[in-house]
Amino acid sequence: MIFRTEIRPKPSDFKISHAQRGLTIGSCFSDSMGNRLQDAKFPLLRNPLGVVYNPASVLTALHILSGKKTFSEVDLFCEQGIWKSYFLHSSFSSTEKSSVLENIAEVQHRFRSEFVHLDYCIVTLGTAWVYALAASGEIVSNCHKTPANRFTRRQLSVAEIFTALTHIREVLQTINPNIYLIFTISPVRHWADGAHENQVSKSRLFVALDDFLYAHHNTHYFESYELLIDDLRDYRFYEEDLLHPNSQAITYIWEQFCATYFSAETQKIVGDFSALYRAMQHRPFQRKSAEYQSFCEKYITLSKSLNAQFPHIDVSAEVSFFEKQCR
């Protein structure tokens, strides 16, 4: 008997390899996938301006990264001695105005220098709900828990979402005309919006994205939402808040992502790096024991072997870690 509806995404013609550079941007789910890609040693920028949930804010983040939007003092405000921006994550906030501007300039420089040629971008959409400044109507990425009367709250229409997706594609194509775009809709439910309102919000994202994907080549949809909501479909795959997927669910979705976008060779490399990562998390009872020293020597050999096979993949941190354990 079959007790659940299993989803097996169709393998994509586009394959991600360690020779390509990527960007993940969007909701907190893009952080989860981005972390897995970085742990597997893919050259990647993960949500460089922090988590953003709606399509309009994704577009603003790309404008800032690419330099299409000039970022200056007018984009900052000071509250209780802390300088912040409605377009940046709170990790950029500082008591010094100059520090915020320097940090964003550093991120922009890295994006333009190291990721001047992007091969793919993973965009995760979380919600159609947006907050706009009441004074200007400009949609913000982060309210920073400032008074609600500074904002108006509404849902983007399907047409507005489609337009935002079109502009996202245009910005990314200025970096690489042949960039491959992978879109996914976050399975995380925005319960504070209300059950019905969350469903309407996700539905608008689905409709707009489906129209967009139909109209453009070099775009693909990955079924992360469906894998959690329809395939796993059980609260044991959620965190205690019953809204966010737990590590077991994320691992399951990651495995489906690997099967969709990695070649057999790349999946083997990912497996080797996963073994390295797990080995680095190991905490021995006796660091100087012969058994643990042999364990470290084994992974030094594996690290150097991977470096010889794939010189474009930097494993210096892994080699250094295990060598230090052997001292």
C-alpha atoms as a PDB file:
ATOM      1  CA  MET A   1       0.000   0.000   0.000  1.00  0.00           C
ATOM      2  CA  ILE A   2       1.036   3.585  -0.649  1.00  0.00           C
ATOM      3  CA  PHE A   3       0.479   5.933   2.285  1.00  0.00           C
ATOM      4  CA  ARG A   4       1.583   9.243   0.819  1.00  0.00           C
ATOM      5  CA  THR A   5       1.818  11.091  -2.484  1.00  0.00           C
ATOM      6  CA  GLU A   6       5.501  10.992  -3.393  1.00  0.00           C
ATOM      7  CA  ILE A   7       6.807  13.798  -5.607  1.00  0.00           C
ATOM      8  CA  ARG A   8       9.847  13.251  -7.789  1.00  0.00           C
ATOM      9  CA  PRO A   9      10.798  16.454  -9.634  1.00  0.00           C
ATOM     10  CA  LYS A  10      11.810  15.872 -13.226  1.00  0.00           C
ATOM     11  CA  PRO A  11      15.589  16.215 -13.744  1.00  0.00           C
ATOM     12  CA  SER A  12      16.469  19.574 -15.238  1.00  0.00           C
ATOM     13  CA  ASP A  13      18.369  19.884 -18.512  1.00  0.00           C
ATOM     14  CA  PHE A  14      20.427  22.579 -16.781  1.00  0.00           C
ATOM     15  CA  LYS A  15      22.975  21.133 -14.368  1.00  0.00           C
ATOM     16  CA  ILE A  16      24.734  22.997 -11.576  1.00  0.00           C
ATOM     17  CA  SER A  17      28.442  22.224 -11.199  1.00  0.00           C
ATOM     18  CA  HIS A  18      31.308  23.465  -9.051  1.00  0.00           C
ATOM     19  CA  ALA A  19      32.648  25.364 -12.057  1.00  0.00           C
ATOM     20  CA  GLN A  20      29.657  27.725 -11.979  1.00  0.00           C
ATOM     21  CA  ARG A  21      28.864  30.708  -9.800  1.00  0.00           C
ATOM     22  CA  GLY A  22      25.469  31.113  -8.216  1.00  0.00           C
ATOM     23  CA  LEU A  23      23.302  33.380  -6.113  1.00  0.00           C
ATOM     24  CA  THR A  24      20.433  32.516  -3.781  1.00  0.00           C
ATOM     25  CA  ILE A  25      18.059  35.306  -2.878  1.00  0.00           C
ATOM     26  CA  GLY A  26      14.680  35.536  -1.202  1.00  0.00           C
ATOM     27  CA  SER A  27      12.999  34.083   1.866  1.00  0.00           C
ATOM     28  CA  CYS A  28      14.588  32.149   4.724  1.00  0.00           C
ATOM     29  CA  PHE A  29      14.141  28.943   2.716  1.00  0.00           C
ATOM     30  CA  SER A  30      16.724  30.262   0.228  1.00  0.00           C
ATOM     31  CA  ASP A  31      19.091  30.469   3.209  1.00  0.00           C
ATOM     32  CA  SER A  32      18.494  26.776   3.915  1.00  0.00           C
ATOM     33  CA  MET A  33      19.283  25.716   0.349  1.00  0.00           C
ATOM     34  CA  GLY A  34      22.124  28.236   0.126  1.00  0.00           C
ATOM     35  CA  ASN A  35      23.718  26.805   3.269  1.00  0.00           C
ATOM     36  CA  ARG A  36      23.631  23.319   1.785  1.00  0.00           C
ATOM     37  CA  LEU A  37      25.221  24.539  -1.452  1.00  0.00           C
ATOM     38  CA  GLN A  38      27.959  26.403   0.414  1.00  0.00           C
ATOM     39  CA  ASP A  39      28.669  23.394   2.635  1.00  0.00           C
ATOM     40  CA  ALA A  40      29.049  21.374  -0.574  1.00  0.00           C
ATOM     41  CA  LYS A  41      31.670  23.943  -1.729  1.00  0.00           C
ATOM     42  CA  PHE A  42      29.732  25.545  -4.575  1.00  0.00           C
ATOM     43  CA  PRO A  43      30.875  29.137  -5.343  1.00  0.00           C
ATOM     44  CA  LEU A  44      27.814  30.978  -4.096  1.00  0.00           C
ATOM     45  CA  LEU A  45      26.507  34.177  -2.571  1.00  0.00           C
ATOM     46  CA  ARG A  46      23.667  33.483  -0.135  1.00  0.00           C
ATOM     47  CA  ASN A  47      21.161  36.275   0.516  1.00  0.00           C
ATOM     48  CA  PRO A  48      23.936  38.901   0.579  1.00  0.00           C
ATOM     49  CA  LEU A  49      21.602  41.665   1.837  1.00  0.00           C
ATOM     50  CA  GLY A  50      19.682  39.421   4.193  1.00  0.00           C
ATOM     51  CA  VAL A  51      16.383  37.583   3.903  1.00  0.00           C
ATOM     52  CA  VAL A  52      13.709  39.200   1.722  1.00  0.00           C
ATOM     53  CA  TYR A  53      10.238  37.736   1.408  1.00  0.00           C
ATOM     54  CA  ASN A  54       8.312  39.382  -1.419  1.00  0.00           C
ATOM     55  CA  PRO A  55       9.128  39.744  -5.153  1.00  0.00           C
ATOM     56  CA  ALA A  56       9.365  43.556  -5.021  1.00  0.00           C
ATOM     57  CA  SER A  57      11.990  43.401  -2.266  1.00  0.00           C
ATOM     58  CA  VAL A  58      13.946  40.741  -4.169  1.00  0.00           C
ATOM     59  CA  LEU A  59      14.064  43.177  -7.079  1.00  0.00           C
ATOM     60  CA  THR A  60      15.232  46.033  -4.827  1.00  0.00           C
ATOM     61  CA  ALA A  61      17.999  43.838  -3.394  1.00  0.00           C
ATOM     62  CA  LEU A  62      19.218  43.018  -6.909  1.00  0.00           C
ATOM     63  CA  HIS A  63      19.134  46.717  -7.835  1.00  0.00           C
ATOM     64  CA  ILE A  64      21.340  47.491  -4.832  1.00  0.00           C
ATOM     65  CA  LEU A  65      23.751  44.616  -5.496  1.00  0.00           C
ATOM     66  CA  SER A  66      24.141  45.438  -9.184  1.00  0.00           C
ATOM     67  CA  GLY A  67      24.497  49.168  -8.542  1.00  0.00           C
ATOM     68  CA  LYS A  68      21.334  50.039 -10.437  1.00  0.00           C
ATOM     69  CA  LYS A  69      20.090  51.595  -7.189  1.00  0.00           C
ATOM     70  CA  THR A  70      22.569  54.031  -5.671  1.00  0.00           C
ATOM     71  CA  PHE A  71      22.757  53.431  -1.940  1.00  0.00           C
ATOM     72  CA  SER A  72      23.538  56.499   0.170  1.00  0.00           C
ATOM     73  CA  GLU A  73      22.753  58.336   3.402  1.00  0.00           C
ATOM     74  CA  VAL A  74      19.212  59.090   2.255  1.00  0.00           C
ATOM     75  CA  ASP A  75      18.466  55.351   2.489  1.00  0.00           C
ATOM     76  CA  LEU A  76      19.317  55.336   6.210  1.00  0.00           C
ATOM     77  CA  PHE A  77      17.466  56.424   9.320  1.00  0.00           C
ATOM     78  CA  CYS A  78      18.560  56.615  12.952  1.00  0.00           C
ATOM     79  CA  GLU A  79      16.520  55.274  15.849  1.00  0.00           C
ATOM     80  CA  GLN A  80      17.688  54.981  19.453  1.00  0.00           C
ATOM     81  CA  GLY A  81      21.229  55.646  18.321  1.00  0.00           C
ATOM     82  CA  ILE A  82      21.244  52.864  15.692  1.00  0.00           C
ATOM     83  CA  TRP A  83      21.536  53.561  11.970  1.00  0.00           C
ATOM     84  CA  LYS A  84      19.341  51.298   9.856  1.00  0.00           C
ATOM     85  CA  SER A  85      17.880  50.951   6.396  1.00  0.00           C
ATOM     86  CA  TYR A  86      14.453  49.746   5.372  1.00  0.00           C
ATOM     87  CA  PHE A  87      16.169  47.940   2.497  1.00  0.00           C
ATOM     88  CA  LEU A  88      18.725  45.986   4.549  1.00  0.00           C
ATOM     89  CA  HIS A  89      18.773  43.232   7.118  1.00  0.00           C
ATOM     90  CA  SER A  90      19.355  44.289  10.728  1.00  0.00           C
ATOM     91  CA  SER A  91      22.848  42.727  10.587  1.00  0.00           C
ATOM     92  CA  PHE A  92      23.897  45.813   8.600  1.00  0.00           C
ATOM     93  CA  SER A  93      22.700  48.193  11.338  1.00  0.00           C
ATOM     94  CA  SER A  94      25.310  50.085  13.346  1.00  0.00           C
ATOM     95  CA  THR A  95      25.829  52.957  15.751  1.00  0.00           C
ATOM     96  CA  GLU A  96      27.973  54.552  13.033  1.00  0.00           C
ATOM     97  CA  LYS A  97      26.340  55.729   9.817  1.00  0.00           C
ATOM     98  CA  SER A  98      29.623  55.316   7.950  1.00  0.00           C
ATOM     99  CA  SER A  99      29.841  51.670   9.046  1.00  0.00           C
ATOM    100  CA  VAL A 100      26.501  50.821   7.406  1.00  0.00           C
ATOM    101  CA  LEU A 101      27.578  52.468   4.144  1.00  0.00           C
ATOM    102  CA  GLU A 102      30.978  50.757   4.235  1.00  0.00           C
ATOM    103  CA  ASN A 103      29.399  47.338   4.830  1.00  0.00           C
ATOM    104  CA  ILE A 104      26.988  47.673   1.943  1.00  0.00           C
ATOM    105  CA  ALA A 105      29.795  48.954  -0.307  1.00  0.00           C
ATOM    106  CA  GLU A 106      31.860  45.894   0.614  1.00  0.00           C
ATOM    107  CA  VAL A 107      29.016  43.532  -0.318  1.00  0.00           C
ATOM    108  CA  GLN A 108      28.479  45.384  -3.609  1.00  0.00           C
ATOM    109  CA  HIS A 109      32.200  45.196  -4.402  1.00  0.00           C
ATOM    110  CA  ARG A 110      32.327  41.465  -3.718  1.00  0.00           C
ATOM    111  CA  PHE A 111      29.259  40.863  -5.861  1.00  0.00           C
ATOM    112  CA  ARG A 112      30.674  42.840  -8.781  1.00  0.00           C
ATOM    113  CA  SER A 113      34.180  41.401  -8.535  1.00  0.00           C
ATOM    114  CA  GLU A 114      33.678  37.734  -7.609  1.00  0.00           C
ATOM    115  CA  PHE A 115      30.268  37.264  -9.174  1.00  0.00           C
ATOM    116  CA  VAL A 116      30.658  39.449 -12.241  1.00  0.00           C
ATOM    117  CA  HIS A 117      29.567  36.360 -14.200  1.00  0.00           C
ATOM    118  CA  LEU A 118      26.619  34.579 -12.624  1.00  0.00           C
ATOM    119  CA  ASP A 119      25.616  31.235 -14.125  1.00  0.00           C
ATOM    120  CA  TYR A 120      22.459  30.679 -12.115  1.00  0.00           C
ATOM    121  CA  CYS A 121      20.259  32.305  -9.511  1.00  0.00           C
ATOM    122  CA  ILE A 122      17.822  30.619  -7.131  1.00  0.00           C
ATOM    123  CA  VAL A 123      14.946  32.931  -6.213  1.00  0.00           C
ATOM    124  CA  THR A 124      12.668  31.885  -3.354  1.00  0.00           C
ATOM    125  CA  LEU A 125       9.391  33.769  -3.017  1.00  0.00           C
ATOM    126  CA  GLY A 126       7.758  33.788   0.399  1.00  0.00           C
ATOM    127  CA  THR A 127       4.734  36.071   0.295  1.00  0.00           C
ATOM    128  CA  ALA A 128       2.748  38.562  -1.752  1.00  0.00           C
ATOM    129  CA  TRP A 129       2.216  40.740   1.327  1.00  0.00           C
ATOM    130  CA  VAL A 130       4.280  43.945   1.365  1.00  0.00           C
ATOM    131  CA  TYR A 131       4.836  46.920   3.633  1.00  0.00           C
ATOM    132  CA  ALA A 132       5.233  50.317   1.989  1.00  0.00           C
ATOM    133  CA  LEU A 133       6.343  53.570   3.561  1.00  0.00           C
ATOM    134  CA  ALA A 134       3.222  55.660   4.142  1.00  0.00           C
ATOM    135  CA  ALA A 135       5.095  58.837   3.226  1.00  0.00           C
ATOM    136  CA  SER A 136       6.430  57.664  -0.142  1.00  0.00           C
ATOM    137  CA  GLY A 137       4.699  54.414  -1.076  1.00  0.00           C
ATOM    138  CA  GLU A 138       8.084  52.712  -1.479  1.00  0.00           C
ATOM    139  CA  ILE A 139       8.021  49.003  -0.599  1.00  0.00           C
ATOM    140  CA  VAL A 140      10.465  48.103   2.178  1.00  0.00           C
ATOM    141  CA  SER A 141      12.397  44.907   2.839  1.00  0.00           C
ATOM    142  CA  ASN A 142      12.585  45.247   6.609  1.00  0.00           C
ATOM    143  CA  CYS A 143      10.368  47.229   8.993  1.00  0.00           C
ATOM    144  CA  HIS A 144      12.895  46.931  11.848  1.00  0.00           C
ATOM    145  CA  LYS A 145       9.971  46.764  14.314  1.00  0.00           C
ATOM    146  CA  THR A 146       9.322  50.485  13.876  1.00  0.00           C
ATOM    147  CA  PRO A 147       5.805  51.890  14.514  1.00  0.00           C
ATOM    148  CA  ALA A 148       3.099  50.407  12.274  1.00  0.00           C
ATOM    149  CA  ASN A 149       1.715  53.845  11.362  1.00  0.00           C
ATOM    150  CA  ARG A 150       4.804  54.434   9.220  1.00  0.00           C
ATOM    151  CA  PHE A 151       3.609  51.807   6.758  1.00  0.00           C
ATOM    152  CA  THR A 152       0.707  50.685   4.670  1.00  0.00           C
ATOM    153  CA  ARG A 153       0.213  46.953   4.258  1.00  0.00           C
ATOM    154  CA  ARG A 154      -1.237  45.270   1.205  1.00  0.00           C
ATOM    155  CA  GLN A 155      -0.860  42.331  -1.157  1.00  0.00           C
ATOM    156  CA  LEU A 156       0.821  42.635  -4.521  1.00  0.00           C
ATOM    157  CA  SER A 157      -1.505  41.818  -7.392  1.00  0.00           C
ATOM    158  CA  VAL A 158      -0.717  38.999  -9.811  1.00  0.00           C
ATOM    159  CA  ALA A 159       0.164  41.619 -12.435  1.00  0.00           C
ATOM    160  CA  GLU A 160       2.553  43.391 -10.038  1.00  0.00           C
ATOM    161  CA  ILE A 161       4.257  40.111  -9.156  1.00  0.00           C
ATOM    162  CA  PHE A 162       4.615  39.213 -12.850  1.00  0.00           C
ATOM    163  CA  THR A 163       6.154  42.639 -13.533  1.00  0.00           C
ATOM    164  CA  ALA A 164       8.587  42.260 -10.604  1.00  0.00           C
ATOM    165  CA  LEU A 165       9.650  38.820 -11.873  1.00  0.00           C
ATOM    166  CA  THR A 166      10.199  40.268 -15.352  1.00  0.00           C
ATOM    167  CA  HIS A 167      12.438  43.018 -13.951  1.00  0.00           C
ATOM    168  CA  ILE A 168      14.328  40.487 -11.790  1.00  0.00           C
ATOM    169  CA  ARG A 169      15.122  38.554 -14.931  1.00  0.00           C
ATOM    170  CA  GLU A 170      16.198  41.723 -16.764  1.00  0.00           C
ATOM    171  CA  VAL A 171      18.584  42.775 -13.982  1.00  0.00           C
ATOM    172  CA  LEU A 172      20.175  39.329 -13.844  1.00  0.00           C
ATOM    173  CA  GLN A 173      20.482  39.172 -17.627  1.00  0.00           C
ATOM    174  CA  THR A 174      22.609  42.329 -17.573  1.00  0.00           C
ATOM    175  CA  ILE A 175      25.111  40.197 -15.648  1.00  0.00           C
ATOM    176  CA  ASN A 176      24.777  37.167 -17.916  1.00  0.00           C
ATOM    177  CA  PRO A 177      22.307  37.080 -20.862  1.00  0.00           C
ATOM    178  CA  ASN A 178      22.205  33.286 -20.564  1.00  0.00           C
ATOM    179  CA  ILE A 179      21.753  33.075 -16.800  1.00  0.00           C
ATOM    180  CA  TYR A 180      19.562  30.207 -15.629  1.00  0.00           C
ATOM    181  CA  LEU A 181      16.849  31.125 -13.143  1.00  0.00           C
ATOM    182  CA  ILE A 182      15.470  28.626 -10.654  1.00  0.00           C
ATOM    183  CA  PHE A 183      12.332  29.772  -8.871  1.00  0.00           C
ATOM    184  CA  THR A 184      10.780  28.174  -5.855  1.00  0.00           C
ATOM    185  CA  ILE A 185       7.986  29.156  -3.485  1.00  0.00           C
ATOM    186  CA  SER A 186       8.798  28.851   0.197  1.00  0.00           C
ATOM    187  CA  PRO A 187       6.859  26.136   2.021  1.00  0.00           C
ATOM    188  CA  VAL A 188       6.983  28.263   5.181  1.00  0.00           C
ATOM    189  CA  ARG A 189       3.497  29.524   6.046  1.00  0.00           C
ATOM    190  CA  HIS A 190       3.135  33.163   7.102  1.00  0.00           C
ATOM    191  CA  TRP A 191       0.650  32.381   9.857  1.00  0.00           C
ATOM    192  CA  ALA A 192       0.642  35.902  11.312  1.00  0.00           C
ATOM    193  CA  ASP A 193      -1.163  36.975   8.142  1.00  0.00           C
ATOM    194  CA  GLY A 194      -3.960  34.520   8.905  1.00  0.00           C
ATOM    195  CA  ALA A 195      -4.692  31.090   7.414  1.00  0.00           C
ATOM    196  CA  HIS A 196      -6.865  32.356   4.565  1.00  0.00           C
ATOM    197  CA  GLU A 197      -4.650  35.362   3.846  1.00  0.00           C
ATOM    198  CA  ASN A 198      -1.567  33.133   3.680  1.00  0.00           C
ATOM    199  CA  GLN A 199      -3.275  30.870   1.153  1.00  0.00           C
ATOM    200  CA  VAL A 200      -4.341  33.805  -1.002  1.00  0.00           C
ATOM    201  CA  SER A 201      -0.811  35.216  -0.863  1.00  0.00           C
ATOM    202  CA  LYS A 202       0.799  31.937  -1.915  1.00  0.00           C
ATOM    203  CA  SER A 203      -1.827  31.519  -4.648  1.00  0.00           C
ATOM    204  CA  ARG A 204      -0.965  34.876  -6.169  1.00  0.00           C
ATOM    205  CA  LEU A 205       2.701  33.900  -6.230  1.00  0.00           C
ATOM    206  CA  PHE A 206       1.860  30.603  -7.933  1.00  0.00           C
ATOM    207  CA  VAL A 207      -0.330  32.172 -10.623  1.00  0.00           C
ATOM    208  CA  ALA A 208       2.106  34.968 -11.465  1.00  0.00           C
ATOM    209  CA  LEU A 209       5.103  32.628 -11.450  1.00  0.00           C
ATOM    210  CA  ASP A 210       3.360  30.075 -13.658  1.00  0.00           C
ATOM    211  CA  ASP A 211       2.573  32.777 -16.235  1.00  0.00           C
ATOM    212  CA  PHE A 212       6.152  34.048 -16.032  1.00  0.00           C
ATOM    213  CA  LEU A 213       7.753  30.613 -16.475  1.00  0.00           C
ATOM    214  CA  TYR A 214       5.534  29.904 -19.473  1.00  0.00           C
ATOM    215  CA  ALA A 215       6.691  33.137 -21.134  1.00  0.00           C
ATOM    216  CA  HIS A 216      10.461  32.798 -20.628  1.00  0.00           C
ATOM    217  CA  HIS A 217      13.146  30.265 -21.449  1.00  0.00           C
ATOM    218  CA  ASN A 218      16.103  29.489 -19.151  1.00  0.00           C
ATOM    219  CA  THR A 219      13.722  29.444 -16.208  1.00  0.00           C
ATOM    220  CA  HIS A 220      12.666  26.512 -14.061  1.00  0.00           C
ATOM    221  CA  TYR A 221      10.398  25.845 -11.094  1.00  0.00           C
ATOM    222  CA  PHE A 222      11.548  23.612  -8.248  1.00  0.00           C
ATOM    223  CA  GLU A 223       8.768  22.065  -6.155  1.00  0.00           C
ATOM    224  CA  SER A 224       9.994  22.780  -2.610  1.00  0.00           C
ATOM    225  CA  TYR A 225       6.513  23.907  -1.515  1.00  0.00           C
ATOM    226  CA  GLU A 226       4.871  20.758  -2.847  1.00  0.00           C
ATOM    227  CA  LEU A 227       7.543  18.474  -1.388  1.00  0.00           C
ATOM    228  CA  LEU A 228       6.777  19.666   2.136  1.00  0.00           C
ATOM    229  CA  ILE A 229       3.051  20.422   1.921  1.00  0.00           C
ATOM    230  CA  ASP A 230       1.949  17.506  -0.299  1.00  0.00           C
ATOM    231  CA  ASP A 231       4.698  14.868  -0.110  1.00  0.00           C
ATOM    232  CA  LEU A 232       5.904  14.899   3.514  1.00  0.00           C
ATOM    233  CA  ARG A 233       2.588  16.348   4.714  1.00  0.00           C
ATOM    234  CA  ASP A 234       3.102  15.712   8.420  1.00  0.00           C
ATOM    235  CA  TYR A 235       3.845  17.931  11.405  1.00  0.00           C
ATOM    236  CA  ARG A 236       6.740  15.703  12.441  1.00  0.00           C
ATOM    237  CA  PHE A 237       8.683  17.372   9.619  1.00  0.00           C
ATOM    238  CA  TYR A 238       8.239  20.831  11.149  1.00  0.00           C
ATOM    239  CA  GLU A 239       9.988  22.799  13.845  1.00  0.00           C
ATOM    240  CA  GLU A 240       8.191  23.418  17.137  1.00  0.00           C
ATOM    241  CA  ASP A 241       6.449  26.477  15.666  1.00  0.00           C
ATOM    242  CA  LEU A 242       4.718  24.101  13.188  1.00  0.00           C
ATOM    243  CA  LEU A 243       5.522  26.565  10.396  1.00  0.00           C
ATOM    244  CA  HIS A 244       9.176  26.032   9.443  1.00  0.00           C
ATOM    245  CA  PRO A 245      10.539  22.761   8.020  1.00  0.00           C
ATOM    246  CA  ASN A 246      12.915  20.935  10.364  1.00  0.00           C
ATOM    247  CA  SER A 247      16.347  19.606   9.411  1.00  0.00           C
ATOM    248  CA  GLN A 248      14.924  16.249   8.331  1.00  0.00           C
ATOM    249  CA  ALA A 249      12.526  17.934   5.908  1.00  0.00           C
ATOM    250  CA  ILE A 250      15.227  20.251   4.570  1.00  0.00           C
ATOM    251  CA  THR A 251      17.506  17.258   3.986  1.00  0.00           C
ATOM    252  CA  TYR A 252      14.724  15.491   2.072  1.00  0.00           C
ATOM    253  CA  ILE A 253      14.090  18.568  -0.099  1.00  0.00           C
ATOM    254  CA  TRP A 254      17.850  19.002  -0.600  1.00  0.00           C
ATOM    255  CA  GLU A 255      18.136  15.410  -1.851  1.00  0.00           C
ATOM    256  CA  GLN A 256      15.394  16.085  -4.417  1.00  0.00           C
ATOM    257  CA  PHE A 257      17.199  19.292  -5.423  1.00  0.00           C
ATOM    258  CA  CYS A 258      20.420  17.325  -5.955  1.00  0.00           C
ATOM    259  CA  ALA A 259      18.631  14.753  -8.108  1.00  0.00           C
ATOM    260  CA  THR A 260      17.086  17.554 -10.177  1.00  0.00           C
ATOM    261  CA  TYR A 261      20.076  19.809 -10.812  1.00  0.00           C
ATOM    262  CA  PHE A 262      23.260  17.752 -10.313  1.00  0.00           C
ATOM    263  CA  SER A 263      24.893  15.291 -12.669  1.00  0.00           C
ATOM    264  CA  ALA A 264      25.974  11.912 -11.298  1.00  0.00           C
ATOM    265  CA  GLU A 265      29.558  13.186 -11.056  1.00  0.00           C
ATOM    266  CA  THR A 266      28.519  16.303  -9.162  1.00  0.00           C
ATOM    267  CA  GLN A 267      26.385  14.223  -6.782  1.00  0.00           C
ATOM    268  CA  LYS A 268      29.454  12.104  -5.980  1.00  0.00           C
ATOM    269  CA  ILE A 269      31.532  15.226  -5.277  1.00  0.00           C
ATOM    270  CA  VAL A 270      28.748  16.567  -3.063  1.00  0.00           C
ATOM    271  CA  GLY A 271      28.711  13.246  -1.192  1.00  0.00           C
ATOM    272  CA  ASP A 272      32.477  13.473  -0.592  1.00  0.00           C
ATOM    273  CA  PHE A 273      32.214  17.019   0.703  1.00  0.00           C
ATOM    274  CA  SER A 274      29.257  16.067   2.881  1.00  0.00           C
ATOM    275  CA  ALA A 275      31.444  13.375   4.439  1.00  0.00           C
ATOM    276  CA  LEU A 276      34.139  15.991   5.064  1.00  0.00           C
ATOM    277  CA  TYR A 277      31.636  18.365   6.636  1.00  0.00           C
ATOM    278  CA  ARG A 278      30.256  15.666   8.926  1.00  0.00           C
ATOM    279  CA  ALA A 279      33.792  14.662   9.928  1.00  0.00           C
ATOM    280  CA  MET A 280      34.555  18.260  10.914  1.00  0.00           C
ATOM    281  CA  GLN A 281      31.539  18.240  13.242  1.00  0.00           C
ATOM    282  CA  HIS A 282      32.830  15.156  15.045  1.00  0.00           C
ATOM    283  CA  ARG A 283      33.941  15.816  18.611  1.00  0.00           C
ATOM    284  CA  PRO A 284      36.251  13.087  19.965  1.00  0.00           C
ATOM    285  CA  PHE A 285      36.496  12.060  23.614  1.00  0.00           C
ATOM    286  CA  GLN A 286      40.251  11.760  23.293  1.00  0.00           C
ATOM    287  CA  ARG A 287      41.713  14.129  20.699  1.00  0.00           C
ATOM    288  CA  LYS A 288      45.202  12.586  20.980  1.00  0.00           C
ATOM    289  CA  SER A 289      44.041   8.984  20.690  1.00  0.00           C
ATOM    290  CA  ALA A 290      45.487   6.882  17.888  1.00  0.00           C
ATOM    291  CA  GLU A 291      41.994   6.209  16.609  1.00  0.00           C
ATOM    292  CA  TYR A 292      41.147   9.886  16.205  1.00  0.00           C
ATOM    293  CA  GLN A 293      44.540  10.697  14.690  1.00  0.00           C
ATOM    294  CA  SER A 294      43.943   7.972  12.100  1.00  0.00           C
ATOM    295  CA  PHE A 295      40.465   9.444  11.515  1.00  0.00           C
ATOM    296  CA  CYS A 296      41.999  12.889  10.819  1.00  0.00           C
ATOM    297  CA  GLU A 297      44.695  11.468   8.529  1.00  0.00           C
ATOM    298  CA  LYS A 298      41.980   9.759   6.498  1.00  0.00           C
ATOM    299  CA  TYR A 299      40.185  13.078   5.896  1.00  0.00           C
ATOM    300  CA  ILE A 300      43.395  14.964   5.178  1.00  0.00           C
ATOM    301  CA  THR A 301      44.021  12.424   2.421  1.00  0.00           C
ATOM    302  CA  LEU A 302      40.445  12.789   1.140  1.00  0.00           C
ATOM    303  CA  SER A 303      40.681  16.614   1.180  1.00  0.00           C
ATOM    304  CA  LYS A 304      43.944  16.629  -0.764  1.00  0.00           C
ATOM    305  CA  SER A 305      42.583  14.066  -3.200  1.00  0.00           C
ATOM    306  CA  LEU A 306      39.548  16.244  -3.878  1.00  0.00           C
ATOM    307  CA  ASN A 307      41.780  19.285  -4.307  1.00  0.00           C
ATOM    308  CA  ALA A 308      43.916  17.403  -6.847  1.00  0.00           C
ATOM    309  CA  GLN A 309      40.817  16.269  -8.755  1.00  0.00           C
ATOM    310  CA  PHE A 310      39.086  19.632  -8.625  1.00  0.00           C
ATOM    311  CA  PRO A 311      41.700  22.406  -8.264  1.00  0.00           C
ATOM    312  CA  HIS A 312      39.022  25.093  -8.710  1.00  0.00           C
ATOM    313  CA  ILE A 313      37.399  23.986  -5.430  1.00  0.00           C
ATOM    314  CA  ASP A 314      39.052  25.477  -2.355  1.00  0.00           C
ATOM    315  CA  VAL A 315      39.519  22.891   0.404  1.00  0.00           C
ATOM    316  CA  SER A 316      42.304  24.691   2.271  1.00  0.00           C
ATOM    317  CA  ALA A 317      40.076  25.262   5.315  1.00  0.00           C
ATOM    318  CA  GLU A 318      39.282  21.545   5.543  1.00  0.00           C
ATOM    319  CA  VAL A 319      42.940  20.500   5.196  1.00  0.00           C
ATOM    320  CA  SER A 320      43.979  23.079   7.794  1.00  0.00           C
ATOM    321  CA  PHE A 321      41.268  21.905  10.218  1.00  0.00           C
ATOM    322  CA  PHE A 322      42.331  18.264  10.169  1.00  0.00           C
ATOM    323  CA  GLU A 323      46.050  19.082  10.229  1.00  0.00           C
ATOM    324  CA  LYS A 324      45.515  21.132  13.396  1.00  0.00           C
ATOM    325  CA  GLN A 325      43.706  18.189  14.971  1.00  0.00           C
ATOM    326  CA  CYS A 326      46.771  16.046  14.315  1.00  0.00           C
ATOM    327  CA  ARG A 327      49.169  18.370  16.161  1.00  0.00           C
END
